[in-house]
N, C-alpha and C. Protein backbone atom coordinates (compact mmCIF):
# COMPACT_ATOMS: atom_id res chain seq x y z
N MET A 1 -18.37 77.69 47.69
CA MET A 1 -18.76 77.79 46.47
C MET A 1 -19.71 78.74 46.25
N ALA A 2 -20.40 79.08 46.79
CA ALA A 2 -21.46 80.40 46.87
C ALA A 2 -20.81 81.48 46.74
N GLN A 3 -19.72 81.58 47.60
CA GLN A 3 -18.86 82.48 47.76
C GLN A 3 -18.10 82.87 46.58
N ILE A 4 -17.39 81.92 46.05
CA ILE A 4 -17.00 82.09 44.69
C ILE A 4 -17.48 82.44 43.70
N LEU A 5 -18.74 81.65 43.28
CA LEU A 5 -19.59 82.04 42.52
C LEU A 5 -20.09 83.41 42.51
N MET A 6 -20.31 84.13 43.79
CA MET A 6 -20.95 85.53 44.06
C MET A 6 -19.55 86.45 43.74
N GLU A 7 -18.52 86.20 43.70
CA GLU A 7 -17.02 86.99 43.36
C GLU A 7 -17.29 87.09 42.02
N ILE A 8 -17.28 85.67 41.34
CA ILE A 8 -17.10 85.84 39.51
C ILE A 8 -18.51 86.55 39.14
N ALA A 9 -19.54 86.25 39.62
CA ALA A 9 -20.74 87.32 39.23
C ALA A 9 -20.40 88.96 39.50
N GLU A 10 -19.62 88.94 40.55
CA GLU A 10 -19.85 90.43 40.73
C GLU A 10 -18.67 91.20 39.76
N SER A 11 -17.73 90.06 39.08
CA SER A 11 -16.75 90.75 38.45
C SER A 11 -17.18 90.78 36.94
N THR A 12 -18.22 89.90 36.64
CA THR A 12 -18.36 89.70 35.40
C THR A 12 -19.93 89.68 34.93
N ALA A 13 -20.68 89.89 35.60
CA ALA A 13 -22.23 90.27 35.21
C ALA A 13 -22.86 91.29 36.43
N GLN A 14 -22.16 92.12 37.00
CA GLN A 14 -22.84 93.24 37.73
C GLN A 14 -23.19 92.40 38.71
N GLY A 15 -22.77 91.47 39.40
CA GLY A 15 -23.47 90.87 40.53
C GLY A 15 -24.53 90.15 40.52
N LYS A 16 -24.77 89.85 39.30
CA LYS A 16 -26.34 88.96 38.84
C LYS A 16 -25.94 87.75 39.10
N LEU A 17 -26.40 86.88 39.56
CA LEU A 17 -26.46 85.22 39.86
C LEU A 17 -27.55 84.93 39.75
N VAL A 18 -27.60 83.69 38.88
CA VAL A 18 -28.85 82.64 39.12
C VAL A 18 -28.57 81.33 39.89
N ILE A 19 -29.50 80.99 41.09
CA ILE A 19 -28.74 79.75 41.18
C ILE A 19 -30.48 78.91 41.35
N THR A 20 -30.02 77.61 40.89
CA THR A 20 -31.12 76.51 40.47
C THR A 20 -31.18 75.54 41.85
N LEU A 21 -32.13 74.97 42.34
CA LEU A 21 -32.17 73.86 42.95
C LEU A 21 -32.58 72.50 42.24
N GLU A 22 -31.62 71.58 42.41
CA GLU A 22 -31.70 70.06 41.90
C GLU A 22 -32.33 69.67 42.92
N GLY A 23 -33.09 68.46 42.27
CA GLY A 23 -34.02 67.35 43.23
C GLY A 23 -32.96 66.77 44.15
N GLY A 24 -33.31 66.60 45.39
CA GLY A 24 -32.48 66.05 46.51
C GLY A 24 -32.89 64.83 46.80
N TYR A 25 -32.00 63.96 46.93
CA TYR A 25 -31.93 62.37 47.43
C TYR A 25 -31.85 62.19 48.76
N ASP A 26 -31.07 63.72 49.59
CA ASP A 26 -31.27 63.66 51.26
C ASP A 26 -31.75 64.77 51.60
N VAL A 27 -33.19 64.95 52.01
CA VAL A 27 -33.65 66.08 52.12
C VAL A 27 -33.23 66.81 53.19
N THR A 28 -32.91 66.16 54.37
CA THR A 28 -31.93 67.00 55.51
C THR A 28 -30.84 67.48 54.90
N GLY A 29 -29.88 66.82 54.06
CA GLY A 29 -28.89 67.42 53.75
C GLY A 29 -29.36 68.54 52.82
N GLN A 30 -30.71 68.23 51.92
CA GLN A 30 -30.75 69.49 50.71
C GLN A 30 -31.03 70.69 51.67
N SER A 31 -31.53 70.56 52.88
CA SER A 31 -32.01 71.69 53.69
C SER A 31 -31.13 72.63 54.20
N ARG A 32 -30.08 71.72 54.47
CA ARG A 32 -28.83 72.46 55.43
C ARG A 32 -28.22 73.17 53.95
N SER A 33 -28.12 72.47 52.75
CA SER A 33 -27.14 73.24 51.61
C SER A 33 -27.86 74.60 51.37
N VAL A 34 -29.10 74.57 51.35
CA VAL A 34 -30.12 75.49 50.74
C VAL A 34 -29.78 76.53 51.95
N LYS A 35 -29.89 76.39 53.10
CA LYS A 35 -29.84 77.57 54.18
C LYS A 35 -28.09 77.94 54.21
N ALA A 36 -27.13 77.10 54.05
CA ALA A 36 -26.09 77.79 53.70
C ALA A 36 -25.79 78.54 52.72
N VAL A 37 -26.58 78.26 51.43
CA VAL A 37 -26.61 79.27 50.46
C VAL A 37 -26.87 80.54 50.64
N LEU A 38 -28.20 80.56 51.13
CA LEU A 38 -29.22 81.74 51.20
C LEU A 38 -28.46 82.51 52.16
N LYS A 39 -27.25 82.11 53.33
CA LYS A 39 -26.65 82.84 54.25
C LYS A 39 -25.35 83.35 53.59
N GLU A 40 -24.94 82.75 52.65
CA GLU A 40 -23.80 83.39 51.59
C GLU A 40 -24.41 84.65 51.05
N LEU A 41 -25.66 84.37 50.42
CA LEU A 41 -26.23 85.26 49.69
C LEU A 41 -26.37 86.65 50.22
N VAL A 42 -26.91 86.39 51.52
CA VAL A 42 -27.18 87.80 52.13
C VAL A 42 -25.99 88.02 53.35
N GLN A 43 -24.95 87.43 52.84
CA GLN A 43 -23.50 87.88 53.68
C GLN A 43 -23.68 87.68 54.94
N ALA A 44 -24.38 86.51 55.26
CA ALA A 44 -24.72 86.40 56.85
C ALA A 44 -23.81 85.18 57.64
N SER A 45 -23.15 84.58 56.45
CA SER A 45 -22.21 83.01 56.70
C SER A 45 -21.13 83.30 57.90
N PRO A 46 -20.98 82.54 58.61
CA PRO A 46 -20.03 82.38 59.80
C PRO A 46 -19.10 81.76 59.09
N LEU A 47 -18.68 81.55 57.81
CA LEU A 47 -17.71 80.82 57.49
C LEU A 47 -16.41 82.21 56.81
N ASP A 48 -15.28 81.66 57.11
CA ASP A 48 -14.66 82.45 56.44
C ASP A 48 -13.78 81.82 55.37
N LYS A 49 -13.55 82.42 54.17
CA LYS A 49 -13.14 82.10 53.00
C LYS A 49 -11.70 81.37 53.05
N LYS A 50 -10.97 82.06 53.92
CA LYS A 50 -9.49 81.70 54.10
C LYS A 50 -9.27 80.54 54.99
N ASP A 51 -10.20 80.16 55.73
CA ASP A 51 -10.53 79.10 56.55
C ASP A 51 -10.98 77.98 55.59
N LEU A 52 -11.62 78.09 54.83
CA LEU A 52 -12.18 77.26 54.04
C LEU A 52 -10.90 76.72 53.17
N LEU A 53 -10.32 77.65 52.21
CA LEU A 53 -9.05 77.52 51.70
C LEU A 53 -8.04 76.75 52.40
N GLU A 54 -7.73 76.98 53.48
CA GLU A 54 -7.00 76.32 54.35
C GLU A 54 -7.34 74.62 54.56
N LYS A 55 -8.87 74.45 54.85
CA LYS A 55 -9.09 73.25 55.14
C LYS A 55 -9.19 72.13 53.93
N GLU A 56 -9.54 73.02 52.66
CA GLU A 56 -9.53 72.24 51.25
C GLU A 56 -8.15 71.59 51.42
N LYS A 57 -6.78 72.76 51.60
CA LYS A 57 -5.57 71.97 51.18
C LYS A 57 -5.64 70.99 52.03
N ALA A 58 -5.57 71.19 53.29
CA ALA A 58 -5.38 70.11 54.18
C ALA A 58 -6.44 68.82 53.59
N ASN A 59 -7.18 68.84 53.20
CA ASN A 59 -8.10 67.38 52.96
C ASN A 59 -7.85 67.11 51.16
N TYR A 60 -7.48 67.97 50.66
CA TYR A 60 -6.84 67.46 49.21
C TYR A 60 -6.25 66.44 48.75
N PRO A 61 -5.08 65.99 49.77
CA PRO A 61 -4.26 64.77 49.38
C PRO A 61 -5.47 63.60 49.74
N ARG A 62 -6.27 63.69 50.66
CA ARG A 62 -6.89 62.66 50.96
C ARG A 62 -8.22 62.50 49.65
N ILE A 63 -8.70 63.43 48.81
CA ILE A 63 -9.44 63.12 47.79
C ILE A 63 -9.11 62.91 46.40
N GLU A 64 -7.43 63.53 46.55
CA GLU A 64 -7.06 63.64 45.33
C GLU A 64 -7.30 62.23 44.19
N LYS A 65 -6.85 60.92 45.10
CA LYS A 65 -6.96 59.85 44.30
C LYS A 65 -8.32 59.68 43.67
N PHE A 66 -9.36 60.06 44.51
CA PHE A 66 -10.76 59.84 44.08
C PHE A 66 -11.07 61.05 42.84
N ILE A 67 -10.53 61.89 43.19
CA ILE A 67 -10.82 63.04 41.77
C ILE A 67 -10.21 62.67 40.59
N LEU A 68 -8.92 61.85 40.69
CA LEU A 68 -8.34 61.50 39.25
C LEU A 68 -8.84 59.90 38.81
N GLN A 69 -9.66 59.26 39.85
CA GLN A 69 -10.71 58.28 39.26
C GLN A 69 -11.62 58.70 38.65
N LEU A 70 -12.35 59.64 39.07
CA LEU A 70 -13.29 60.33 38.30
C LEU A 70 -13.52 61.06 37.15
N LYS A 71 -12.00 61.73 36.95
CA LYS A 71 -11.91 62.10 35.71
C LYS A 71 -11.28 61.05 34.43
N GLU A 72 -10.91 59.96 35.31
CA GLU A 72 -10.17 58.97 33.99
C GLU A 72 -11.99 58.18 33.64
N ILE A 73 -13.04 58.18 34.28
CA ILE A 73 -14.10 57.75 33.81
C ILE A 73 -14.96 58.67 32.95
N GLN A 74 -14.82 60.01 33.46
CA GLN A 74 -15.69 60.87 32.60
C GLN A 74 -14.88 61.22 31.47
N LYS A 75 -13.54 60.80 30.86
CA LYS A 75 -12.66 61.23 29.96
C LYS A 75 -13.21 61.16 29.13
N GLN A 76 -14.41 59.68 28.47
CA GLN A 76 -15.05 59.41 27.45
C GLN A 76 -15.78 60.34 26.93
N TYR A 77 -16.27 61.07 27.86
CA TYR A 77 -17.51 62.01 27.62
C TYR A 77 -17.08 63.65 27.26
N TRP A 78 -16.19 63.95 28.33
CA TRP A 78 -15.37 65.12 28.18
C TRP A 78 -13.92 65.20 27.68
N LYS A 79 -14.00 65.17 26.46
CA LYS A 79 -12.40 65.25 25.81
C LYS A 79 -11.15 66.07 26.40
N ASN A 80 -11.68 67.09 27.20
CA ASN A 80 -10.61 68.03 27.50
C ASN A 80 -10.31 67.72 28.75
N LEU A 81 -10.68 66.64 29.28
CA LEU A 81 -10.20 66.31 30.62
C LEU A 81 -8.69 65.40 30.41
C-alpha cells in the first residue's frame, strides 16, 4: 500500500506524502508495519510490486466473500457502496 500511495503522491502532489500513525492494538504488529512503511519510504524494501500483485490475485477468491460481507454492513453508512 505504501508503494501505491507513493506513486499517487508522485503523480498528484510532487511526491509529497503524509503518513500518520493510529494507535495500535498489537504493539508487535504495529512495530513491523511501521518498519515496513519506513523501508518503502526510503526505497529499501525487499518487496517487489509485481510479486505482491500476484499474491493478491491468488488470495482474492479467499477474501472476496469477506469483503462483500463488509460492504453490505457498511452500505448503511456509505451510500456509494
